[in-house]
Amino acid sequence: MNLPGEAQGWICAACGGELEMMKVGFTYMKGNFEVDLPACRNCGLVLVSEELATGKMADAERILEDK
């Protein structure tokens, strides 16, 4: 999800706005993280791909929980 072109062509399911790459904040176990993800500038809905959710985010979650 690092390429700006990945947001092109996606439409928000909530409001119909176009998605664009934006910095999105996440909080997990008292840690704050910022990631560039496709998001709707109109309503704030964020697209998290299955690959990201089950890959990198799941790995980070396991690392933080092991600490």
PDB file of N, CA and C in Angstrom:
ATOM      1  N   MET A   1       0.816  -1.189   0.000  1.00  0.00           N
ATOM      2  CA  MET A   1       0.000   0.000   0.000  1.00  0.00           C
ATOM      3  C   MET A   1       0.863   1.258   0.000  1.00  0.00           C
ATOM      4  N   ASN A   2       2.068   1.186  -0.443  1.00  0.00           N
ATOM      5  CA  ASN A   2       2.938   2.349  -0.411  1.00  0.00           C
ATOM      6  C   ASN A   2       2.858   3.199  -1.673  1.00  0.00           C
ATOM      7  N   LEU A   3       2.280   2.676  -2.750  1.00  0.00           N
ATOM      8  CA  LEU A   3       2.260   3.408  -4.000  1.00  0.00           C
ATOM      9  C   LEU A   3       1.048   4.315  -4.096  1.00  0.00           C
ATOM     10  N   PRO A   4       1.260   5.608  -4.389  1.00  0.00           N
ATOM     11  CA  PRO A   4       0.137   6.535  -4.483  1.00  0.00           C
ATOM     12  C   PRO A   4      -0.901   6.102  -5.508  1.00  0.00           C
ATOM     13  N   GLY A   5      -0.514   5.410  -6.555  1.00  0.00           N
ATOM     14  CA  GLY A   5      -1.433   4.978  -7.587  1.00  0.00           C
ATOM     15  C   GLY A   5      -2.442   3.952  -7.112  1.00  0.00           C
ATOM     16  N   GLU A   6      -2.184   3.310  -5.978  1.00  0.00           N
ATOM     17  CA  GLU A   6      -3.098   2.272  -5.493  1.00  0.00           C
ATOM     18  C   GLU A   6      -4.431   2.846  -5.045  1.00  0.00           C
ATOM     19  N   ALA A   7      -4.513   4.128  -4.789  1.00  0.00           N
ATOM     20  CA  ALA A   7      -5.773   4.732  -4.370  1.00  0.00           C
ATOM     21  C   ALA A   7      -6.606   5.142  -5.579  1.00  0.00           C
ATOM     22  N   GLN A   8      -5.993   5.213  -6.744  1.00  0.00           N
ATOM     23  CA  GLN A   8      -6.690   5.679  -7.937  1.00  0.00           C
ATOM     24  C   GLN A   8      -7.779   4.691  -8.347  1.00  0.00           C
ATOM     25  N   GLY A   9      -8.956   5.224  -8.622  1.00  0.00           N
ATOM     26  CA  GLY A   9     -10.047   4.408  -9.103  1.00  0.00           C
ATOM     27  C   GLY A   9     -10.931   3.820  -8.017  1.00  0.00           C
ATOM     28  N   TRP A  10     -10.536   3.936  -6.762  1.00  0.00           N
ATOM     29  CA  TRP A  10     -11.354   3.416  -5.674  1.00  0.00           C
ATOM     30  C   TRP A  10     -12.366   4.477  -5.264  1.00  0.00           C
ATOM     31  N   ILE A  11     -13.598   4.039  -5.032  1.00  0.00           N
ATOM     32  CA  ILE A  11     -14.675   4.930  -4.617  1.00  0.00           C
ATOM     33  C   ILE A  11     -15.137   4.521  -3.220  1.00  0.00           C
ATOM     34  N   CYS A  12     -15.388   5.489  -2.368  1.00  0.00           N
ATOM     35  CA  CYS A  12     -15.827   5.255  -0.997  1.00  0.00           C
ATOM     36  C   CYS A  12     -17.221   4.624  -0.989  1.00  0.00           C
ATOM     37  N   ALA A  13     -17.366   3.524  -0.258  1.00  0.00           N
ATOM     38  CA  ALA A  13     -18.660   2.843  -0.156  1.00  0.00           C
ATOM     39  C   ALA A  13     -19.648   3.642   0.692  1.00  0.00           C
ATOM     40  N   ALA A  14     -19.154   4.477   1.586  1.00  0.00           N
ATOM     41  CA  ALA A  14     -20.034   5.226   2.485  1.00  0.00           C
ATOM     42  C   ALA A  14     -20.637   6.472   1.832  1.00  0.00           C
ATOM     43  N   CYS A  15     -19.793   7.236   1.106  1.00  0.00           N
ATOM     44  CA  CYS A  15     -20.291   8.515   0.585  1.00  0.00           C
ATOM     45  C   CYS A  15     -20.100   8.713  -0.912  1.00  0.00           C
ATOM     46  N   GLY A  16     -19.368   7.798  -1.573  1.00  0.00           N
ATOM     47  CA  GLY A  16     -19.170   7.909  -3.012  1.00  0.00           C
ATOM     48  C   GLY A  16     -17.993   8.775  -3.427  1.00  0.00           C
ATOM     49  N   GLY A  17     -17.244   9.320  -2.466  1.00  0.00           N
ATOM     50  CA  GLY A  17     -16.081  10.135  -2.792  1.00  0.00           C
ATOM     51  C   GLY A  17     -14.914   9.277  -3.267  1.00  0.00           C
ATOM     52  N   GLU A  18     -13.979   9.894  -3.966  1.00  0.00           N
ATOM     53  CA  GLU A  18     -12.787   9.175  -4.422  1.00  0.00           C
ATOM     54  C   GLU A  18     -11.797   9.018  -3.277  1.00  0.00           C
ATOM     55  N   LEU A  19     -11.138   7.860  -3.238  1.00  0.00           N
ATOM     56  CA  LEU A  19     -10.106   7.638  -2.234  1.00  0.00           C
ATOM     57  C   LEU A  19      -8.792   8.213  -2.725  1.00  0.00           C
ATOM     58  N   GLU A  20      -7.997   8.731  -1.796  1.00  0.00           N
ATOM     59  CA  GLU A  20      -6.655   9.208  -2.114  1.00  0.00           C
ATOM     60  C   GLU A  20      -5.727   8.837  -0.969  1.00  0.00           C
ATOM     61  N   MET A  21      -4.445   8.759  -1.268  1.00  0.00           N
ATOM     62  CA  MET A  21      -3.475   8.380  -0.251  1.00  0.00           C
ATOM     63  C   MET A  21      -3.383   9.494   0.786  1.00  0.00           C
ATOM     64  N   MET A  22      -3.545   9.096   2.051  1.00  0.00           N
ATOM     65  CA  MET A  22      -3.493  10.047   3.167  1.00  0.00           C
ATOM     66  C   MET A  22      -2.766   9.413   4.337  1.00  0.00           C
ATOM     67  N   LYS A  23      -2.188  10.237   5.199  1.00  0.00           N
ATOM     68  CA  LYS A  23      -1.621   9.744   6.453  1.00  0.00           C
ATOM     69  C   LYS A  23      -2.782   9.425   7.380  1.00  0.00           C
ATOM     70  N   VAL A  24      -2.794   8.200   7.882  1.00  0.00           N
ATOM     71  CA  VAL A  24      -3.867   7.735   8.760  1.00  0.00           C
ATOM     72  C   VAL A  24      -3.250   7.333  10.086  1.00  0.00           C
ATOM     73  N   GLY A  25      -3.830   7.774  11.182  1.00  0.00           N
ATOM     74  CA  GLY A  25      -3.322   7.447  12.506  1.00  0.00           C
ATOM     75  C   GLY A  25      -3.984   6.213  13.084  1.00  0.00           C
ATOM     76  N   PHE A  26      -3.175   5.350  13.676  1.00  0.00           N
ATOM     77  CA  PHE A  26      -3.647   4.157  14.361  1.00  0.00           C
ATOM     78  C   PHE A  26      -3.147   4.191  15.796  1.00  0.00           C
ATOM     79  N   THR A  27      -3.940   3.698  16.714  1.00  0.00           N
ATOM     80  CA  THR A  27      -3.515   3.532  18.098  1.00  0.00           C
ATOM     81  C   THR A  27      -3.701   2.076  18.465  1.00  0.00           C
ATOM     82  N   TYR A  28      -2.647   1.468  19.015  1.00  0.00           N
ATOM     83  CA  TYR A  28      -2.723   0.071  19.429  1.00  0.00           C
ATOM     84  C   TYR A  28      -1.833  -0.122  20.640  1.00  0.00           C
ATOM     85  N   MET A  29      -2.392  -0.642  21.698  1.00  0.00           N
ATOM     86  CA  MET A  29      -1.654  -0.900  22.930  1.00  0.00           C
ATOM     87  C   MET A  29      -0.825   0.314  23.355  1.00  0.00           C
ATOM     88  N   LYS A  30      -1.462   1.451  23.426  1.00  0.00           N
ATOM     89  CA  LYS A  30      -0.855   2.717  23.852  1.00  0.00           C
ATOM     90  C   LYS A  30       0.208   3.242  22.895  1.00  0.00           C
ATOM     91  N   GLY A  31       0.343   2.630  21.729  1.00  0.00           N
ATOM     92  CA  GLY A  31       1.276   3.118  20.720  1.00  0.00           C
ATOM     93  C   GLY A  31       0.514   3.823  19.607  1.00  0.00           C
ATOM     94  N   ASN A  32       1.061   4.928  19.116  1.00  0.00           N
ATOM     95  CA  ASN A  32       0.461   5.676  18.013  1.00  0.00           C
ATOM     96  C   ASN A  32       1.313   5.502  16.774  1.00  0.00           C
ATOM     97  N   PHE A  33       0.663   5.215  15.657  1.00  0.00           N
ATOM     98  CA  PHE A  33       1.365   4.955  14.406  1.00  0.00           C
ATOM     99  C   PHE A  33       0.684   5.733  13.290  1.00  0.00           C
ATOM    100  N   GLU A  34       1.470   6.184  12.319  1.00  0.00           N
ATOM    101  CA  GLU A  34       0.928   6.839  11.134  1.00  0.00           C
ATOM    102  C   GLU A  34       1.352   6.045   9.922  1.00  0.00           C
ATOM    103  N   VAL A  35       0.373   5.799   9.023  1.00  0.00           N
ATOM    104  CA  VAL A  35       0.609   5.004   7.822  1.00  0.00           C
ATOM    105  C   VAL A  35      -0.085   5.697   6.659  1.00  0.00           C
ATOM    106  N   ASP A  36       0.520   5.660   5.481  1.00  0.00           N
ATOM    107  CA  ASP A  36      -0.133   6.165   4.274  1.00  0.00           C
ATOM    108  C   ASP A  36      -1.060   5.091   3.739  1.00  0.00           C
ATOM    109  N   LEU A  37      -2.358   5.386   3.693  1.00  0.00           N
ATOM    110  CA  LEU A  37      -3.363   4.443   3.201  1.00  0.00           C
ATOM    111  C   LEU A  37      -4.391   5.184   2.356  1.00  0.00           C
ATOM    112  N   PRO A  38      -5.059   4.476   1.447  1.00  0.00           N
ATOM    113  CA  PRO A  38      -6.148   5.099   0.704  1.00  0.00           C
ATOM    114  C   PRO A  38      -7.291   5.434   1.670  1.00  0.00           C
ATOM    115  N   ALA A  39      -7.768   6.659   1.610  1.00  0.00           N
ATOM    116  CA  ALA A  39      -8.844   7.098   2.497  1.00  0.00           C
ATOM    117  C   ALA A  39      -9.706   8.121   1.774  1.00  0.00           C
ATOM    118  N   CYS A  40     -10.936   8.260   2.246  1.00  0.00           N
ATOM    119  CA  CYS A  40     -11.869   9.223   1.680  1.00  0.00           C
ATOM    120  C   CYS A  40     -11.693  10.560   2.400  1.00  0.00           C
ATOM    121  N   ARG A  41     -11.396  11.585   1.643  1.00  0.00           N
ATOM    122  CA  ARG A  41     -11.225  12.907   2.238  1.00  0.00           C
ATOM    123  C   ARG A  41     -12.580  13.468   2.700  1.00  0.00           C
ATOM    124  N   ASN A  42     -13.682  13.003   2.107  1.00  0.00           N
ATOM    125  CA  ASN A  42     -15.012  13.499   2.481  1.00  0.00           C
ATOM    126  C   ASN A  42     -15.450  12.994   3.849  1.00  0.00           C
ATOM    127  N   CYS A  43     -15.389  11.672   4.062  1.00  0.00           N
ATOM    128  CA  CYS A  43     -15.951  11.118   5.303  1.00  0.00           C
ATOM    129  C   CYS A  43     -14.921  10.423   6.195  1.00  0.00           C
ATOM    130  N   GLY A  44     -13.701  10.221   5.688  1.00  0.00           N
ATOM    131  CA  GLY A  44     -12.647   9.639   6.517  1.00  0.00           C
ATOM    132  C   GLY A  44     -12.559   8.122   6.499  1.00  0.00           C
ATOM    133  N   LEU A  45     -13.429   7.430   5.743  1.00  0.00           N
ATOM    134  CA  LEU A  45     -13.357   5.975   5.663  1.00  0.00           C
ATOM    135  C   LEU A  45     -12.010   5.559   5.073  1.00  0.00           C
ATOM    136  N   VAL A  46     -11.362   4.566   5.682  1.00  0.00           N
ATOM    137  CA  VAL A  46     -10.024   4.131   5.279  1.00  0.00           C
ATOM    138  C   VAL A  46     -10.099   2.734   4.677  1.00  0.00           C
ATOM    139  N   LEU A  47      -9.368   2.515   3.598  1.00  0.00           N
ATOM    140  CA  LEU A  47      -9.280   1.201   2.976  1.00  0.00           C
ATOM    141  C   LEU A  47      -8.030   0.498   3.492  1.00  0.00           C
ATOM    142  N   VAL A  48      -8.222  -0.602   4.209  1.00  0.00           N
ATOM    143  CA  VAL A  48      -7.111  -1.441   4.667  1.00  0.00           C
ATOM    144  C   VAL A  48      -7.225  -2.744   3.889  1.00  0.00           C
ATOM    145  N   SER A  49      -6.258  -3.003   3.025  1.00  0.00           N
ATOM    146  CA  SER A  49      -6.319  -4.210   2.206  1.00  0.00           C
ATOM    147  C   SER A  49      -6.184  -5.461   3.070  1.00  0.00           C
ATOM    148  N   GLU A  50      -6.707  -6.566   2.572  1.00  0.00           N
ATOM    149  CA  GLU A  50      -6.585  -7.835   3.290  1.00  0.00           C
ATOM    150  C   GLU A  50      -5.116  -8.192   3.478  1.00  0.00           C
ATOM    151  N   GLU A  51      -4.309  -7.930   2.457  1.00  0.00           N
ATOM    152  CA  GLU A  51      -2.875  -8.220   2.531  1.00  0.00           C
ATOM    153  C   GLU A  51      -2.210  -7.454   3.671  1.00  0.00           C
ATOM    154  N   LEU A  52      -2.539  -6.187   3.810  1.00  0.00           N
ATOM    155  CA  LEU A  52      -1.962  -5.374   4.878  1.00  0.00           C
ATOM    156  C   LEU A  52      -2.469  -5.831   6.248  1.00  0.00           C
ATOM    157  N   ALA A  53      -3.767  -6.103   6.346  1.00  0.00           N
ATOM    158  CA  ALA A  53      -4.359  -6.490   7.631  1.00  0.00           C
ATOM    159  C   ALA A  53      -3.843  -7.838   8.120  1.00  0.00           C
ATOM    160  N   THR A  54      -3.682  -8.787   7.222  1.00  0.00           N
ATOM    161  CA  THR A  54      -3.253 -10.129   7.629  1.00  0.00           C
ATOM    162  C   THR A  54      -1.749 -10.301   7.559  1.00  0.00           C
ATOM    163  N   GLY A  55      -1.063  -9.339   6.966  1.00  0.00           N
ATOM    164  CA  GLY A  55       0.388  -9.426   6.829  1.00  0.00           C
ATOM    165  C   GLY A  55       1.105  -8.516   7.799  1.00  0.00           C
ATOM    166  N   LYS A  56       1.437  -7.325   7.338  1.00  0.00           N
ATOM    167  CA  LYS A  56       2.248  -6.389   8.126  1.00  0.00           C
ATOM    168  C   LYS A  56       1.581  -5.992   9.447  1.00  0.00           C
ATOM    169  N   MET A  57       0.283  -5.708   9.417  1.00  0.00           N
ATOM    170  CA  MET A  57      -0.387  -5.273  10.650  1.00  0.00           C
ATOM    171  C   MET A  57      -0.468  -6.421  11.656  1.00  0.00           C
ATOM    172  N   ALA A  58      -0.728  -7.622  11.177  1.00  0.00           N
ATOM    173  CA  ALA A  58      -0.789  -8.778  12.079  1.00  0.00           C
ATOM    174  C   ALA A  58       0.582  -9.050  12.686  1.00  0.00           C
ATOM    175  N   ASP A  59       1.650  -8.899  11.883  1.00  0.00           N
ATOM    176  CA  ASP A  59       3.010  -9.083  12.398  1.00  0.00           C
ATOM    177  C   ASP A  59       3.332  -8.053  13.477  1.00  0.00           C
ATOM    178  N   ALA A  60       2.988  -6.791  13.214  1.00  0.00           N
ATOM    179  CA  ALA A  60       3.242  -5.729  14.196  1.00  0.00           C
ATOM    180  C   ALA A  60       2.447  -5.981  15.476  1.00  0.00           C
ATOM    181  N   GLU A  61       1.222  -6.457  15.332  1.00  0.00           N
ATOM    182  CA  GLU A  61       0.389  -6.755  16.497  1.00  0.00           C
ATOM    183  C   GLU A  61       1.035  -7.838  17.359  1.00  0.00           C
ATOM    184  N   ARG A  62       1.536  -8.899  16.725  1.00  0.00           N
ATOM    185  CA  ARG A  62       2.199  -9.984  17.473  1.00  0.00           C
ATOM    186  C   ARG A  62       3.439  -9.478  18.191  1.00  0.00           C
ATOM    187  N   ILE A  63       4.220  -8.636  17.520  1.00  0.00           N
ATOM    188  CA  ILE A  63       5.449  -8.097  18.130  1.00  0.00           C
ATOM    189  C   ILE A  63       5.103  -7.264  19.361  1.00  0.00           C
ATOM    190  N   LEU A  64       4.085  -6.367  19.213  1.00  0.00           N
ATOM    191  CA  LEU A  64       3.708  -5.511  20.346  1.00  0.00           C
ATOM    192  C   LEU A  64       3.136  -6.312  21.504  1.00  0.00           C
ATOM    193  N   GLU A  65       2.382  -7.352  21.215  1.00  0.00           N
ATOM    194  CA  GLU A  65       1.793  -8.155  22.285  1.00  0.00           C
ATOM    195  C   GLU A  65       2.829  -8.992  23.014  1.00  0.00           C
ATOM    196  N   ASP A  66       3.928  -9.349  22.324  1.00  0.00           N
ATOM    197  CA  ASP A  66       4.986 -10.151  22.945  1.00  0.00           C
ATOM    198  C   ASP A  66       5.845  -9.334  23.904  1.00  0.00           C
ATOM    199  N   LYS A  67       5.795  -8.022  23.808  1.00  0.00           N
ATOM    200  CA  LYS A  67       6.625  -7.157  24.661  1.00  0.00           C
ATOM    201  C   LYS A  67       6.086  -7.094  26.059  1.00  0.00           C
TER     202      LYS A  67
END
